[in-house]
Amino acid sequence: MAGKYLTGILLVALALPAVVLGQGGRYGGHTLEFGTRDSDFAADYVTMLQTDLSKLGYDDYLLKSGKLESAFGPATGAAVKAFQRDWGLPVTGVVGAETTAALERAVAGGRPESTEPPPKLTLLESAQITIKAGEKGRYDIKPAQGTTYVISCGGDCLEANVVNPYDAYARVVTPPADVRYALEELGDDGKAVIFDDVPFAGKYFVEIEPLNDLKDTSVLIRIYELTR
């Protein structure tokens, strides 16, 4: 009887490594969702997820409040949903096996499969401006009605907003993955936004915030016309 009991324990023990290996993966085989935190796991999987999303260009969602969340909160969930939309996945805000696999491919340099033609970016203007220490930069633009623009600020740019003469912020959105990839193909790895809601043709300006406000900062502004 004792021999059968020990044999059973041995069989279970032999099976355990297979189970553990089967639970592997980028985030240890865990499902990451709203409310989870690093302390829930044996490794800092939530921080790893946030780092991955940041590398993939989703900082605008992750840093909505100005700083990174200490757990999987609304900002992390918004970044996950944006990634899922970009990759054609069910938009759940939950990082399960399918989303984890897509993140692994993305971090390795893969791109989502798409049957749509790639977007076309036509460079309209490019300018190098110097932002004084402690100030925000400003670059004037004159958008045309109905035109969609991608505005990129390379180098040390932290943020760009489009403002009209009446100091009302226009609608500015983070470019989806296909536009970011198109920018990369052009050698533009700057911080980029899409400006596509021009209520009337007129004069606007791009307000640029540099990463370093302790010294004069040179920032390269590029404005593209976006067509699909």
Protein backbone atom coordinates (compact mmCIF):
# COMPACT_ATOMS: atom_id res chain seq x y z
CA MET A 1 0.00 0.00 0.00
CA ALA A 2 2.82 2.33 0.96
CA GLY A 3 4.58 1.50 -2.30
CA LYS A 4 1.53 2.50 -4.33
CA TYR A 5 1.26 5.77 -2.35
CA LEU A 6 4.91 6.65 -3.00
CA THR A 7 4.53 5.74 -6.65
CA GLY A 8 1.56 8.13 -6.89
CA ILE A 9 3.57 10.94 -5.32
CA LEU A 10 6.44 10.27 -7.72
CA LEU A 11 4.13 10.41 -10.73
CA VAL A 12 2.67 13.72 -9.56
CA ALA A 13 6.16 15.10 -8.94
CA LEU A 14 7.26 14.05 -12.41
CA ALA A 15 4.22 15.78 -13.90
CA LEU A 16 4.83 19.09 -12.09
CA PRO A 17 7.66 20.41 -14.30
CA ALA A 18 5.48 19.98 -17.39
CA VAL A 19 2.70 21.95 -15.71
CA VAL A 20 5.08 24.72 -14.66
CA LEU A 21 6.62 24.89 -18.15
CA GLY A 22 3.15 25.03 -19.65
CA GLN A 23 2.43 28.09 -17.56
CA GLY A 24 5.46 29.96 -18.91
CA GLY A 25 5.44 32.95 -21.20
CA ARG A 26 6.33 36.59 -21.02
CA TYR A 27 4.26 37.23 -17.90
CA GLY A 28 4.65 33.82 -16.33
CA GLY A 29 1.47 32.48 -17.87
CA HIS A 30 -0.58 34.83 -15.67
CA THR A 31 -3.61 36.85 -16.75
CA LEU A 32 -3.02 40.54 -16.01
CA GLU A 33 -6.08 42.70 -15.50
CA PHE A 34 -7.43 45.69 -13.60
CA GLY A 35 -6.34 45.58 -9.96
CA THR A 36 -3.40 43.21 -10.32
CA ARG A 37 -0.02 44.34 -9.05
CA ASP A 38 3.55 43.09 -8.96
CA SER A 39 3.19 41.78 -5.43
CA ASP A 40 0.54 39.31 -6.65
CA PHE A 41 3.23 37.36 -8.50
CA ALA A 42 6.73 36.00 -8.04
CA ALA A 43 8.06 38.58 -10.54
CA ASP A 44 7.24 42.18 -11.49
CA TYR A 45 4.95 41.23 -14.36
CA VAL A 46 2.79 44.38 -14.22
CA THR A 47 5.88 46.59 -14.44
CA MET A 48 7.15 44.41 -17.30
CA LEU A 49 3.83 44.88 -19.12
CA GLN A 50 3.98 48.64 -18.64
CA THR A 51 7.59 48.71 -19.89
CA ASP A 52 6.61 46.70 -22.96
CA LEU A 53 3.70 49.03 -23.74
CA SER A 54 5.94 52.06 -23.28
CA LYS A 55 8.52 50.67 -25.72
CA LEU A 56 5.73 50.04 -28.21
CA GLY A 57 4.59 53.68 -28.14
CA TYR A 58 1.67 53.74 -25.69
CA ASP A 59 3.07 56.30 -23.23
CA ASP A 60 0.23 58.72 -23.92
CA TYR A 61 -2.11 56.25 -22.23
CA LEU A 62 0.28 55.04 -19.52
CA LEU A 63 1.27 58.54 -18.41
CA LYS A 64 -2.14 60.19 -18.66
CA SER A 65 -1.87 61.45 -15.07
CA GLY A 66 1.77 62.47 -15.52
CA LYS A 67 3.25 59.39 -13.86
CA LEU A 68 3.22 55.64 -14.20
CA GLU A 69 0.65 53.67 -12.19
CA SER A 70 1.96 51.47 -9.38
CA ALA A 71 -0.50 48.73 -10.35
CA PHE A 72 -2.71 47.70 -13.28
CA GLY A 73 -5.11 50.64 -13.22
CA PRO A 74 -7.21 52.62 -15.73
CA ALA A 75 -4.20 54.00 -17.61
CA THR A 76 -2.60 50.59 -18.06
CA GLY A 77 -5.97 49.20 -19.14
CA ALA A 78 -6.37 52.00 -21.71
CA ALA A 79 -2.90 51.24 -23.11
CA VAL A 80 -3.74 47.52 -23.32
CA LYS A 81 -7.01 48.30 -25.16
CA ALA A 82 -5.18 50.57 -27.62
CA PHE A 83 -2.68 47.80 -28.30
CA GLN A 84 -5.48 45.28 -28.78
CA ARG A 85 -7.21 47.61 -31.27
CA ASP A 86 -3.98 48.09 -33.19
CA TRP A 87 -3.41 44.34 -33.40
CA GLY A 88 -6.98 43.40 -34.30
CA LEU A 89 -7.58 41.58 -31.01
CA PRO A 90 -10.75 41.55 -28.90
CA VAL A 91 -10.65 44.84 -26.97
CA THR A 92 -11.04 43.61 -23.40
CA GLY A 93 -8.33 45.46 -21.50
CA VAL A 94 -7.27 42.08 -20.10
CA VAL A 95 -3.89 40.56 -20.92
CA GLY A 96 -4.60 36.87 -21.47
CA ALA A 97 -2.81 34.30 -23.61
CA GLU A 98 -3.72 35.87 -26.98
CA THR A 99 -2.71 39.41 -26.01
CA THR A 100 0.46 38.14 -24.32
CA ALA A 101 1.47 36.33 -27.52
CA ALA A 102 0.85 39.48 -29.57
CA LEU A 103 2.89 41.58 -27.13
CA GLU A 104 5.74 39.08 -27.38
CA ARG A 105 5.70 39.38 -31.17
CA ALA A 106 5.50 43.18 -31.02
CA VAL A 107 8.39 43.51 -28.56
CA ALA A 108 10.46 41.22 -30.81
CA GLY A 109 9.87 43.65 -33.69
CA GLY A 110 6.86 41.99 -35.29
CA ARG A 111 3.95 43.92 -36.71
CA PRO A 112 0.24 43.18 -36.85
CA GLU A 113 -1.06 41.54 -40.00
CA SER A 114 -3.27 43.84 -42.02
CA THR A 115 -5.19 43.57 -45.26
CA GLU A 116 -5.35 47.36 -45.49
CA PRO A 117 -2.81 49.29 -47.57
CA PRO A 118 -0.25 51.16 -45.44
CA PRO A 119 -0.96 54.83 -44.76
CA LYS A 120 0.86 57.40 -46.86
CA LEU A 121 2.75 60.21 -45.15
CA THR A 122 3.75 63.21 -47.27
CA LEU A 123 6.20 65.59 -45.60
CA LEU A 124 4.83 69.13 -45.88
CA GLU A 125 7.31 71.03 -43.77
CA SER A 126 10.21 70.52 -41.40
CA ALA A 127 11.77 73.00 -39.00
CA GLN A 128 14.33 73.06 -36.22
CA ILE A 129 13.29 75.33 -33.35
CA THR A 130 14.99 76.25 -30.11
CA ILE A 131 12.93 76.29 -26.95
CA LYS A 132 14.17 78.56 -24.18
CA ALA A 133 14.88 77.07 -20.78
CA GLY A 134 11.77 76.84 -18.63
CA GLU A 135 9.43 77.67 -21.52
CA LYS A 136 7.28 75.84 -24.04
CA GLY A 137 8.01 76.08 -27.73
CA ARG A 138 5.65 77.32 -30.42
CA TYR A 139 5.54 76.64 -34.12
CA ASP A 140 2.88 78.19 -36.36
CA ILE A 141 0.96 76.09 -38.89
CA LYS A 142 -1.86 76.86 -41.31
CA PRO A 143 -3.93 73.70 -41.75
CA ALA A 144 -6.33 73.21 -44.65
CA GLN A 145 -9.94 72.23 -44.08
CA GLY A 146 -10.48 68.48 -44.15
CA THR A 147 -6.79 67.53 -44.14
CA THR A 148 -5.39 65.06 -41.62
CA TYR A 149 -1.93 65.88 -40.30
CA VAL A 150 0.65 63.90 -38.40
CA ILE A 151 2.82 66.22 -36.33
CA SER A 152 6.08 64.85 -35.02
CA CYS A 153 8.53 66.47 -32.62
CA GLY A 154 11.77 64.54 -32.44
CA GLY A 155 14.73 64.81 -30.11
CA ASP A 156 13.86 65.95 -26.62
CA CYS A 157 10.14 66.54 -27.12
CA LEU A 158 7.87 65.42 -24.31
CA GLU A 159 4.50 66.60 -25.58
CA ALA A 160 2.86 68.47 -28.45
CA ASN A 161 -0.58 70.09 -28.53
CA VAL A 162 -2.30 71.90 -31.36
CA VAL A 163 -3.78 75.22 -30.29
CA ASN A 164 -5.83 77.76 -32.24
CA PRO A 165 -5.51 81.53 -31.87
CA TYR A 166 -8.22 81.54 -29.21
CA ASP A 167 -6.24 79.19 -26.97
CA ALA A 168 -8.72 76.36 -27.47
CA TYR A 169 -7.04 73.00 -27.85
CA ALA A 170 -7.99 71.12 -30.98
CA ARG A 171 -8.54 67.36 -31.01
CA VAL A 172 -5.19 65.62 -31.00
CA VAL A 173 -4.85 61.83 -30.84
CA THR A 174 -1.97 59.38 -30.56
CA PRO A 175 -1.23 57.75 -33.93
CA PRO A 176 -2.31 54.11 -34.26
CA ALA A 177 0.31 51.44 -34.84
CA ASP A 178 0.22 51.56 -38.65
CA VAL A 179 0.99 55.30 -38.66
CA ARG A 180 3.80 54.85 -36.14
CA TYR A 181 5.28 52.11 -38.32
CA ALA A 182 5.00 54.37 -41.38
CA LEU A 183 6.90 57.07 -39.46
CA GLU A 184 9.60 54.57 -38.53
CA GLU A 185 9.96 53.62 -42.19
CA LEU A 186 10.69 57.30 -42.87
CA GLY A 187 13.29 57.36 -40.12
CA ASP A 188 11.12 59.49 -37.84
CA ASP A 189 11.12 58.18 -34.29
CA GLY A 190 9.86 61.35 -32.62
CA LYS A 191 6.83 61.90 -30.45
CA ALA A 192 3.88 62.13 -32.84
CA VAL A 193 0.22 63.13 -32.76
CA ILE A 194 -2.57 63.21 -35.32
CA PHE A 195 -4.45 66.47 -35.87
CA ASP A 196 -7.57 65.69 -37.89
CA ASP A 197 -10.39 67.81 -36.53
CA VAL A 198 -9.94 71.27 -38.03
CA PRO A 199 -13.19 73.17 -37.36
CA PHE A 200 -12.20 75.94 -39.76
CA ALA A 201 -9.23 76.81 -41.92
CA GLY A 202 -7.05 79.30 -40.12
CA LYS A 203 -3.89 79.76 -38.14
CA TYR A 204 -2.92 77.28 -35.45
CA PHE A 205 0.27 76.63 -33.60
CA VAL A 206 1.94 73.56 -32.16
CA GLU A 207 2.82 73.98 -28.51
CA ILE A 208 5.85 71.82 -27.67
CA GLU A 209 7.03 70.85 -24.23
CA PRO A 210 10.70 69.76 -24.05
CA LEU A 211 11.91 66.94 -21.84
CA ASN A 212 14.53 69.16 -20.24
CA ASP A 213 13.26 72.53 -19.05
CA LEU A 214 16.56 73.48 -17.43
CA LYS A 215 18.36 74.41 -20.63
CA ASP A 216 17.62 75.64 -24.14
CA THR A 217 16.44 72.66 -26.19
CA SER A 218 16.60 72.14 -29.94
CA VAL A 219 13.54 70.30 -31.27
CA LEU A 220 12.83 69.13 -34.81
CA ILE A 221 9.23 69.63 -35.97
CA ARG A 222 7.91 67.64 -38.93
CA ILE A 223 4.41 67.98 -40.37
CA TYR A 224 3.04 65.29 -42.67
CA GLU A 225 -0.20 64.98 -44.58
CA LEU A 226 -1.84 61.62 -43.86
CA THR A 227 -3.81 59.74 -46.48
CA ARG A 228 -5.15 56.18 -46.37
